[in-house]
PDB file of N, CA and C in Angstrom:
ATOM      1  N   MET A   1     -40.445   4.009 223.195  1.00  0.00           N
ATOM      2  CA  MET A   1     -41.227   5.220 223.207  1.00  0.00           C
ATOM      3  C   MET A   1     -40.845   6.034 224.443  1.00  0.00           C
ATOM      4  N   PRO A   2     -40.639   7.347 224.265  1.00  0.00           N
ATOM      5  CA  PRO A   2     -40.256   8.175 225.404  1.00  0.00           C
ATOM      6  C   PRO A   2     -41.372   8.246 226.444  1.00  0.00           C
ATOM      7  N   LYS A   3     -40.969   8.419 227.685  1.00  0.00           N
ATOM      8  CA  LYS A   3     -41.931   8.565 228.775  1.00  0.00           C
ATOM      9  C   LYS A   3     -42.720   9.857 228.562  1.00  0.00           C
ATOM     10  N   ILE A   4     -44.027   9.783 228.739  1.00  0.00           N
ATOM     11  CA  ILE A   4     -44.879  10.955 228.565  1.00  0.00           C
ATOM     12  C   ILE A   4     -44.751  11.841 229.794  1.00  0.00           C
ATOM     13  N   GLU A   5     -44.353  13.087 229.572  1.00  0.00           N
ATOM     14  CA  GLU A   5     -44.212  14.066 230.645  1.00  0.00           C
ATOM     15  C   GLU A   5     -45.580  14.644 230.951  1.00  0.00           C
ATOM     16  N   LYS A   6     -46.054  14.478 232.185  1.00  0.00           N
ATOM     17  CA  LYS A   6     -47.383  14.954 232.546  1.00  0.00           C
ATOM     18  C   LYS A   6     -47.338  16.248 233.342  1.00  0.00           C
ATOM     19  N   GLN A   7     -46.214  16.558 233.932  1.00  0.00           N
ATOM     20  CA  GLN A   7     -46.086  17.778 234.715  1.00  0.00           C
ATOM     21  C   GLN A   7     -45.577  18.906 233.824  1.00  0.00           C
ATOM     22  N   PRO A   8     -46.071  20.118 234.042  1.00  0.00           N
ATOM     23  CA  PRO A   8     -45.548  21.253 233.270  1.00  0.00           C
ATOM     24  C   PRO A   8     -44.054  21.435 233.529  1.00  0.00           C
ATOM     25  N   ILE A   9     -43.348  21.862 232.507  1.00  0.00           N
ATOM     26  CA  ILE A   9     -41.915  22.123 232.615  1.00  0.00           C
ATOM     27  C   ILE A   9     -41.710  23.617 232.418  1.00  0.00           C
ATOM     28  N   GLU A  10     -40.944  24.220 233.294  1.00  0.00           N
ATOM     29  CA  GLU A  10     -40.723  25.661 233.233  1.00  0.00           C
ATOM     30  C   GLU A  10     -39.676  25.997 232.181  1.00  0.00           C
ATOM     31  N   THR A  11     -39.928  27.054 231.441  1.00  0.00           N
ATOM     32  CA  THR A  11     -38.977  27.589 230.467  1.00  0.00           C
ATOM     33  C   THR A  11     -39.147  29.099 230.489  1.00  0.00           C
ATOM     34  N   LYS A  12     -38.369  29.825 229.716  1.00  0.00           N
ATOM     35  CA  LYS A  12     -38.521  31.278 229.729  1.00  0.00           C
ATOM     36  C   LYS A  12     -38.419  31.842 228.324  1.00  0.00           C
ATOM     37  N   LEU A  13     -38.953  33.021 228.164  1.00  0.00           N
ATOM     38  CA  LEU A  13     -38.902  33.753 226.911  1.00  0.00           C
ATOM     39  C   LEU A  13     -37.567  34.484 226.857  1.00  0.00           C
ATOM     40  N   SER A  14     -36.804  34.280 225.786  1.00  0.00           N
ATOM     41  CA  SER A  14     -35.479  34.885 225.640  1.00  0.00           C
ATOM     42  C   SER A  14     -35.430  35.750 224.389  1.00  0.00           C
ATOM     43  N   GLN A  15     -34.453  36.627 224.347  1.00  0.00           N
ATOM     44  CA  GLN A  15     -34.220  37.459 223.172  1.00  0.00           C
ATOM     45  C   GLN A  15     -33.386  36.665 222.178  1.00  0.00           C
ATOM     46  N   TRP A  16     -33.764  36.714 220.887  1.00  0.00           N
ATOM     47  CA  TRP A  16     -33.001  36.055 219.833  1.00  0.00           C
ATOM     48  C   TRP A  16     -32.993  37.001 218.654  1.00  0.00           C
ATOM     49  N   GLY A  17     -31.953  37.816 218.557  1.00  0.00           N
ATOM     50  CA  GLY A  17     -31.920  38.860 217.531  1.00  0.00           C
ATOM     51  C   GLY A  17     -33.041  39.845 217.801  1.00  0.00           C
ATOM     52  N   ASN A  18     -33.845  40.125 216.781  1.00  0.00           N
ATOM     53  CA  ASN A  18     -34.981  41.028 216.942  1.00  0.00           C
ATOM     54  C   ASN A  18     -36.244  40.285 217.365  1.00  0.00           C
ATOM     55  N   SER A  19     -36.136  38.987 217.556  1.00  0.00           N
ATOM     56  CA  SER A  19     -37.297  38.168 217.908  1.00  0.00           C
ATOM     57  C   SER A  19     -37.171  37.653 219.331  1.00  0.00           C
ATOM     58  N   LYS A  20     -38.175  36.931 219.738  1.00  0.00           N
ATOM     59  CA  LYS A  20     -38.165  36.259 221.032  1.00  0.00           C
ATOM     60  C   LYS A  20     -38.179  34.756 220.774  1.00  0.00           C
ATOM     61  N   ALA A  21     -37.669  33.987 221.721  1.00  0.00           N
ATOM     62  CA  ALA A  21     -37.611  32.531 221.556  1.00  0.00           C
ATOM     63  C   ALA A  21     -37.897  31.849 222.884  1.00  0.00           C
ATOM     64  N   VAL A  22     -38.486  30.670 222.795  1.00  0.00           N
ATOM     65  CA  VAL A  22     -38.728  29.823 223.955  1.00  0.00           C
ATOM     66  C   VAL A  22     -38.033  28.497 223.687  1.00  0.00           C
ATOM     67  N   ARG A  23     -37.219  28.053 224.611  1.00  0.00           N
ATOM     68  CA  ARG A  23     -36.566  26.748 224.465  1.00  0.00           C
ATOM     69  C   ARG A  23     -37.539  25.661 224.892  1.00  0.00           C
ATOM     70  N   ILE A  24     -37.618  24.628 224.074  1.00  0.00           N
ATOM     71  CA  ILE A  24     -38.491  23.496 224.372  1.00  0.00           C
ATOM     72  C   ILE A  24     -37.592  22.309 224.698  1.00  0.00           C
ATOM     73  N   PRO A  25     -37.732  21.744 225.887  1.00  0.00           N
ATOM     74  CA  PRO A  25     -36.858  20.629 226.277  1.00  0.00           C
ATOM     75  C   PRO A  25     -36.946  19.452 225.305  1.00  0.00           C
ATOM     76  N   ALA A  26     -35.804  18.814 225.093  1.00  0.00           N
ATOM     77  CA  ALA A  26     -35.707  17.701 224.144  1.00  0.00           C
ATOM     78  C   ALA A  26     -36.665  16.570 224.489  1.00  0.00           C
ATOM     79  N   LYS A  27     -36.881  16.311 225.784  1.00  0.00           N
ATOM     80  CA  LYS A  27     -37.763  15.198 226.145  1.00  0.00           C
ATOM     81  C   LYS A  27     -39.208  15.475 225.747  1.00  0.00           C
ATOM     82  N   LEU A  28     -39.623  16.736 225.721  1.00  0.00           N
ATOM     83  CA  LEU A  28     -40.968  17.061 225.243  1.00  0.00           C
ATOM     84  C   LEU A  28     -41.053  16.888 223.732  1.00  0.00           C
ATOM     85  N   LEU A  29     -40.030  17.337 223.025  1.00  0.00           N
ATOM     86  CA  LEU A  29     -40.017  17.193 221.567  1.00  0.00           C
ATOM     87  C   LEU A  29     -39.981  15.722 221.164  1.00  0.00           C
ATOM     88  N   ALA A  30     -39.271  14.912 221.934  1.00  0.00           N
ATOM     89  CA  ALA A  30     -39.200  13.476 221.634  1.00  0.00           C
ATOM     90  C   ALA A  30     -40.575  12.821 221.767  1.00  0.00           C
ATOM     91  N   GLN A  31     -41.390  13.317 222.680  1.00  0.00           N
ATOM     92  CA  GLN A  31     -42.722  12.738 222.882  1.00  0.00           C
ATOM     93  C   GLN A  31     -43.617  12.905 221.663  1.00  0.00           C
ATOM     94  N   ILE A  32     -43.374  13.952 220.879  1.00  0.00           N
ATOM     95  CA  ILE A  32     -44.193  14.165 219.676  1.00  0.00           C
ATOM     96  C   ILE A  32     -43.426  13.815 218.407  1.00  0.00           C
ATOM     97  N   GLY A  33     -42.206  13.309 218.562  1.00  0.00           N
ATOM     98  CA  GLY A  33     -41.422  12.898 217.400  1.00  0.00           C
ATOM     99  C   GLY A  33     -40.877  14.058 216.589  1.00  0.00           C
ATOM    100  N   ALA A  34     -40.717  15.220 217.212  1.00  0.00           N
ATOM    101  CA  ALA A  34     -40.219  16.403 216.501  1.00  0.00           C
ATOM    102  C   ALA A  34     -38.726  16.278 216.220  1.00  0.00           C
ATOM    103  N   GLN A  35     -38.325  16.775 215.066  1.00  0.00           N
ATOM    104  CA  GLN A  35     -36.936  16.745 214.628  1.00  0.00           C
ATOM    105  C   GLN A  35     -36.466  18.173 214.364  1.00  0.00           C
ATOM    106  N   PRO A  36     -35.144  18.409 214.373  1.00  0.00           N
ATOM    107  CA  PRO A  36     -34.653  19.745 214.032  1.00  0.00           C
ATOM    108  C   PRO A  36     -35.201  20.194 212.676  1.00  0.00           C
ATOM    109  N   ASN A  37     -35.549  21.437 212.582  1.00  0.00           N
ATOM    110  CA  ASN A  37     -36.083  22.089 211.376  1.00  0.00           C
ATOM    111  C   ASN A  37     -37.524  21.699 211.048  1.00  0.00           C
ATOM    112  N   ASP A  38     -38.201  20.928 211.910  1.00  0.00           N
ATOM    113  CA  ASP A  38     -39.631  20.695 211.706  1.00  0.00           C
ATOM    114  C   ASP A  38     -40.352  22.034 211.814  1.00  0.00           C
ATOM    115  N   GLN A  39     -41.454  22.152 211.109  1.00  0.00           N
ATOM    116  CA  GLN A  39     -42.230  23.391 211.148  1.00  0.00           C
ATOM    117  C   GLN A  39     -43.434  23.220 212.062  1.00  0.00           C
ATOM    118  N   PHE A  40     -43.833  24.320 212.695  1.00  0.00           N
ATOM    119  CA  PHE A  40     -44.955  24.323 213.619  1.00  0.00           C
ATOM    120  C   PHE A  40     -45.874  25.488 213.308  1.00  0.00           C
ATOM    121  N   MET A  41     -47.117  25.332 213.685  1.00  0.00           N
ATOM    122  CA  MET A  41     -48.094  26.411 213.629  1.00  0.00           C
ATOM    123  C   MET A  41     -48.239  26.908 215.067  1.00  0.00           C
ATOM    124  N   ILE A  42     -48.303  28.229 215.240  1.00  0.00           N
ATOM    125  CA  ILE A  42     -48.477  28.786 216.579  1.00  0.00           C
ATOM    126  C   ILE A  42     -49.669  29.727 216.552  1.00  0.00           C
ATOM    127  N   GLU A  43     -50.502  29.627 217.571  1.00  0.00           N
ATOM    128  CA  GLU A  43     -51.691  30.470 217.647  1.00  0.00           C
ATOM    129  C   GLU A  43     -52.039  30.713 219.106  1.00  0.00           C
ATOM    130  N   VAL A  44     -52.909  31.688 219.319  1.00  0.00           N
ATOM    131  CA  VAL A  44     -53.391  31.989 220.659  1.00  0.00           C
ATOM    132  C   VAL A  44     -54.819  31.478 220.770  1.00  0.00           C
ATOM    133  N   LYS A  45     -55.064  30.639 221.774  1.00  0.00           N
ATOM    134  CA  LYS A  45     -56.411  30.137 222.071  1.00  0.00           C
ATOM    135  C   LYS A  45     -56.658  30.339 223.560  1.00  0.00           C
ATOM    136  N   ASN A  46     -57.722  31.036 223.876  1.00  0.00           N
ATOM    137  CA  ASN A  46     -58.066  31.286 225.284  1.00  0.00           C
ATOM    138  C   ASN A  46     -56.878  31.852 226.057  1.00  0.00           C
ATOM    139  N   GLN A  47     -56.209  32.813 225.482  1.00  0.00           N
ATOM    140  CA  GLN A  47     -55.044  33.489 226.068  1.00  0.00           C
ATOM    141  C   GLN A  47     -53.905  32.518 226.404  1.00  0.00           C
ATOM    142  N   THR A  48     -53.800  31.455 225.611  1.00  0.00           N
ATOM    143  CA  THR A  48     -52.728  30.472 225.765  1.00  0.00           C
ATOM    144  C   THR A  48     -52.070  30.260 224.410  1.00  0.00           C
ATOM    145  N   LEU A  49     -50.741  30.224 224.383  1.00  0.00           N
ATOM    146  CA  LEU A  49     -50.041  29.916 223.139  1.00  0.00           C
ATOM    147  C   LEU A  49     -50.153  28.421 222.872  1.00  0.00           C
ATOM    148  N   VAL A  50     -50.544  28.073 221.658  1.00  0.00           N
ATOM    149  CA  VAL A  50     -50.680  26.672 221.265  1.00  0.00           C
ATOM    150  C   VAL A  50     -49.727  26.419 220.102  1.00  0.00           C
ATOM    151  N   LEU A  51     -48.820  25.487 220.284  1.00  0.00           N
ATOM    152  CA  LEU A  51     -47.819  25.131 219.281  1.00  0.00           C
ATOM    153  C   LEU A  51     -48.177  23.756 218.738  1.00  0.00           C
ATOM    154  N   THR A  52     -48.420  23.675 217.427  1.00  0.00           N
ATOM    155  CA  THR A  52     -48.858  22.429 216.807  1.00  0.00           C
ATOM    156  C   THR A  52     -47.918  22.071 215.662  1.00  0.00           C
ATOM    157  N   PRO A  53     -47.415  20.822 215.625  1.00  0.00           N
ATOM    158  CA  PRO A  53     -46.568  20.427 214.493  1.00  0.00           C
ATOM    159  C   PRO A  53     -47.332  20.586 213.185  1.00  0.00           C
ATOM    160  N   LYS A  54     -46.675  21.168 212.199  1.00  0.00           N
ATOM    161  CA  LYS A  54     -47.283  21.332 210.882  1.00  0.00           C
ATOM    162  C   LYS A  54     -47.254  19.977 210.173  1.00  0.00           C
ATOM    163  N   VAL A  55     -48.374  19.611 209.593  1.00  0.00           N
ATOM    164  CA  VAL A  55     -48.467  18.336 208.890  1.00  0.00           C
ATOM    165  C   VAL A  55     -47.601  18.405 207.644  1.00  0.00           C
ATOM    166  N   LYS A  56     -46.659  17.452 207.546  1.00  0.00           N
ATOM    167  CA  LYS A  56     -45.779  17.419 206.376  1.00  0.00           C
ATOM    168  C   LYS A  56     -46.508  16.738 205.231  1.00  0.00           C
ATOM    169  N   ARG A  57     -46.666  17.451 204.152  1.00  0.00           N
ATOM    170  CA  ARG A  57     -47.321  16.892 202.976  1.00  0.00           C
ATOM    171  C   ARG A  57     -46.246  16.464 201.975  1.00  0.00           C
ATOM    172  N   PRO A  58     -46.480  15.361 201.284  1.00  0.00           N
ATOM    173  CA  PRO A  58     -45.491  14.902 200.299  1.00  0.00           C
ATOM    174  C   PRO A  58     -45.294  15.936 199.194  1.00  0.00           C
ATOM    175  N   THR A  59     -44.052  16.084 198.764  1.00  0.00           N
ATOM    176  CA  THR A  59     -43.753  17.032 197.689  1.00  0.00           C
ATOM    177  C   THR A  59     -43.395  16.325 196.389  1.00  0.00           C
ATOM    178  N   THR A  60     -43.192  15.015 196.457  1.00  0.00           N
ATOM    179  CA  THR A  60     -42.894  14.246 195.243  1.00  0.00           C
ATOM    180  C   THR A  60     -43.750  12.984 195.241  1.00  0.00           C
ATOM    181  N   ILE A  61     -43.881  12.374 194.088  1.00  0.00           N
ATOM    182  CA  ILE A  61     -44.631  11.123 193.970  1.00  0.00           C
ATOM    183  C   ILE A  61     -43.977  10.024 194.807  1.00  0.00           C
ATOM    184  N   HIS A  62     -42.642  10.089 194.934  1.00  0.00           N
ATOM    185  CA  HIS A  62     -41.913   9.091 195.717  1.00  0.00           C
ATOM    186  C   HIS A  62     -42.245   9.215 197.203  1.00  0.00           C
ATOM    187  N   GLU A  63     -42.321  10.462 197.704  1.00  0.00           N
ATOM    188  CA  GLU A  63     -42.709  10.668 199.098  1.00  0.00           C
ATOM    189  C   GLU A  63     -44.150  10.227 199.331  1.00  0.00           C
ATOM    190  N   LEU A  64     -45.014  10.486 198.371  1.00  0.00           N
ATOM    191  CA  LEU A  64     -46.422  10.143 198.504  1.00  0.00           C
ATOM    192  C   LEU A  64     -46.620   8.638 198.698  1.00  0.00           C
ATOM    193  N   PHE A  65     -45.849   7.849 197.964  1.00  0.00           N
ATOM    194  CA  PHE A  65     -46.030   6.399 198.002  1.00  0.00           C
ATOM    195  C   PHE A  65     -44.894   5.654 198.697  1.00  0.00           C
ATOM    196  N   GLU A  66     -44.062   6.332 199.484  1.00  0.00           N
ATOM    197  CA  GLU A  66     -42.891   5.685 200.067  1.00  0.00           C
ATOM    198  C   GLU A  66     -43.233   4.520 200.995  1.00  0.00           C
ATOM    199  N   GLU A  67     -44.391   4.519 201.635  1.00  0.00           N
ATOM    200  CA  GLU A  67     -44.749   3.420 202.532  1.00  0.00           C
ATOM    201  C   GLU A  67     -45.742   2.446 201.908  1.00  0.00           C
ATOM    202  N   TRP A  68     -46.100   2.661 200.667  1.00  0.00           N
ATOM    203  CA  TRP A  68     -47.083   1.806 200.001  1.00  0.00           C
ATOM    204  C   TRP A  68     -46.431   0.519 199.542  1.00  0.00           C
ATOM    205  N   GLN A  69     -47.101  -0.591 199.791  1.00  0.00           N
ATOM    206  CA  GLN A  69     -46.607  -1.888 199.343  1.00  0.00           C
ATOM    207  C   GLN A  69     -47.669  -2.525 198.463  1.00  0.00           C
ATOM    208  N   ASP A  70     -47.308  -2.827 197.233  1.00  0.00           N
ATOM    209  CA  ASP A  70     -48.229  -3.444 196.284  1.00  0.00           C
ATOM    210  C   ASP A  70     -48.082  -4.952 196.376  1.00  0.00           C
ATOM    211  N   ASP A  71     -49.191  -5.639 196.662  1.00  0.00           N
ATOM    212  CA  ASP A  71     -49.137  -7.095 196.766  1.00  0.00           C
ATOM    213  C   ASP A  71     -49.270  -7.779 195.405  1.00  0.00           C
ATOM    214  N   GLN A  72     -49.487  -7.006 194.344  1.00  0.00           N
ATOM    215  CA  GLN A  72     -49.594  -7.507 192.973  1.00  0.00           C
ATOM    216  C   GLN A  72     -50.800  -8.418 192.770  1.00  0.00           C
ATOM    217  N   ILE A  73     -51.725  -8.458 193.703  1.00  0.00           N
ATOM    218  CA  ILE A  73     -52.904  -9.317 193.584  1.00  0.00           C
ATOM    219  C   ILE A  73     -54.068  -8.487 193.054  1.00  0.00           C
ATOM    220  N   ARG A  74     -54.670  -8.969 191.963  1.00  0.00           N
ATOM    221  CA  ARG A  74     -55.830  -8.309 191.379  1.00  0.00           C
ATOM    222  C   ARG A  74     -56.938  -9.344 191.261  1.00  0.00           C
ATOM    223  N   ASP A  75     -58.144  -9.027 191.722  1.00  0.00           N
ATOM    224  CA  ASP A  75     -59.270  -9.958 191.635  1.00  0.00           C
ATOM    225  C   ASP A  75     -59.755 -10.123 190.200  1.00  0.00           C
ATOM    226  N   THR A  76     -59.734  -9.031 189.465  1.00  0.00           N
ATOM    227  CA  THR A  76     -60.210  -9.054 188.082  1.00  0.00           C
ATOM    228  C   THR A  76     -59.308  -8.172 187.240  1.00  0.00           C
ATOM    229  N   GLU A  77     -59.475  -8.311 185.941  1.00  0.00           N
ATOM    230  CA  GLU A  77     -58.741  -7.441 185.032  1.00  0.00           C
ATOM    231  C   GLU A  77     -59.295  -6.029 185.172  1.00  0.00           C
ATOM    232  N   LEU A  78     -58.427  -5.045 185.127  1.00  0.00           N
ATOM    233  CA  LEU A  78     -58.868  -3.661 185.242  1.00  0.00           C
ATOM    234  C   LEU A  78     -59.612  -3.231 183.986  1.00  0.00           C
ATOM    235  N   ASP A  79     -60.707  -2.523 184.164  1.00  0.00           N
ATOM    236  CA  ASP A  79     -61.468  -1.985 183.043  1.00  0.00           C
ATOM    237  C   ASP A  79     -61.024  -0.545 182.826  1.00  0.00           C
ATOM    238  N   TRP A  80     -60.342  -0.309 181.732  1.00  0.00           N
ATOM    239  CA  TRP A  80     -59.824   1.022 181.436  1.00  0.00           C
ATOM    240  C   TRP A  80     -60.808   1.833 180.596  1.00  0.00           C
ATOM    241  N   GLY A  81     -61.995   1.313 180.348  1.00  0.00           N
ATOM    242  CA  GLY A  81     -62.994   2.031 179.563  1.00  0.00           C
ATOM    243  C   GLY A  81     -62.890   1.677 178.092  1.00  0.00           C
ATOM    244  N   SER A  82     -63.767   2.288 177.316  1.00  0.00           N
ATOM    245  CA  SER A  82     -63.782   1.998 175.878  1.00  0.00           C
ATOM    246  C   SER A  82     -62.632   2.705 175.170  1.00  0.00           C
ATOM    247  N   GLU A  83     -62.346   2.226 173.948  1.00  0.00           N
ATOM    248  CA  GLU A  83     -61.273   2.821 173.153  1.00  0.00           C
ATOM    249  C   GLU A  83     -61.656   4.239 172.755  1.00  0.00           C
ATOM    250  N   LYS A  84     -60.674   5.129 172.759  1.00  0.00           N
ATOM    251  CA  LYS A  84     -60.927   6.534 172.425  1.00  0.00           C
ATOM    252  C   LYS A  84     -60.171   6.989 171.185  1.00  0.00           C
ATOM    253  N   GLY A  85     -59.244   6.214 170.729  1.00  0.00           N
ATOM    254  CA  GLY A  85     -58.427   6.635 169.596  1.00  0.00           C
ATOM    255  C   GLY A  85     -57.903   5.441 168.844  1.00  0.00           C
ATOM    256  N   SER A  86     -56.629   5.470 168.549  1.00  0.00           N
ATOM    257  CA  SER A  86     -56.042   4.379 167.769  1.00  0.00           C
ATOM    258  C   SER A  86     -55.196   3.476 168.668  1.00  0.00           C
ATOM    259  N   GLU A  87     -55.813   3.022 169.792  1.00  0.00           N
ATOM    260  CA  GLU A  87     -55.112   2.122 170.687  1.00  0.00           C
ATOM    261  C   GLU A  87     -54.828   0.796 169.998  1.00  0.00           C
ATOM    262  N   PHE A  88     -53.807   0.123 170.445  1.00  0.00           N
ATOM    263  CA  PHE A  88     -53.429  -1.175 169.905  1.00  0.00           C
ATOM    264  C   PHE A  88     -54.512  -2.195 170.224  1.00  0.00           C
ATOM    265  N   LYS A  89     -54.916  -2.973 169.247  1.00  0.00           N
ATOM    266  CA  LYS A  89     -55.928  -4.019 169.439  1.00  0.00           C
ATOM    267  C   LYS A  89     -55.232  -5.303 169.863  1.00  0.00           C
ATOM    268  N   TRP A  90     -55.706  -5.945 170.906  1.00  0.00           N
ATOM    269  CA  TRP A  90     -55.133  -7.203 171.379  1.00  0.00           C
ATOM    270  C   TRP A  90     -55.770  -8.345 170.692  1.00  0.00           C
TER     271      TRP A  90
END
């Protein structure tokens, strides 16, 4: 785990095309696990710019369950409710 930087680090506002940009040192980004092309929310609170990593939401069923591990253990048979149509009779 990267060392947590507790002292403010100086940077400056630069011109980038028609916009402005602030460089964020890599060691600060490493502390929050930021990667290139990550998205952030930026807002002003109490006359201070606040930059917050945007929460990445899964876009596919595979992303949604990528860390899920099924132990295949069931205490009881699942109750799927009563029959509604011409389901196969066991």
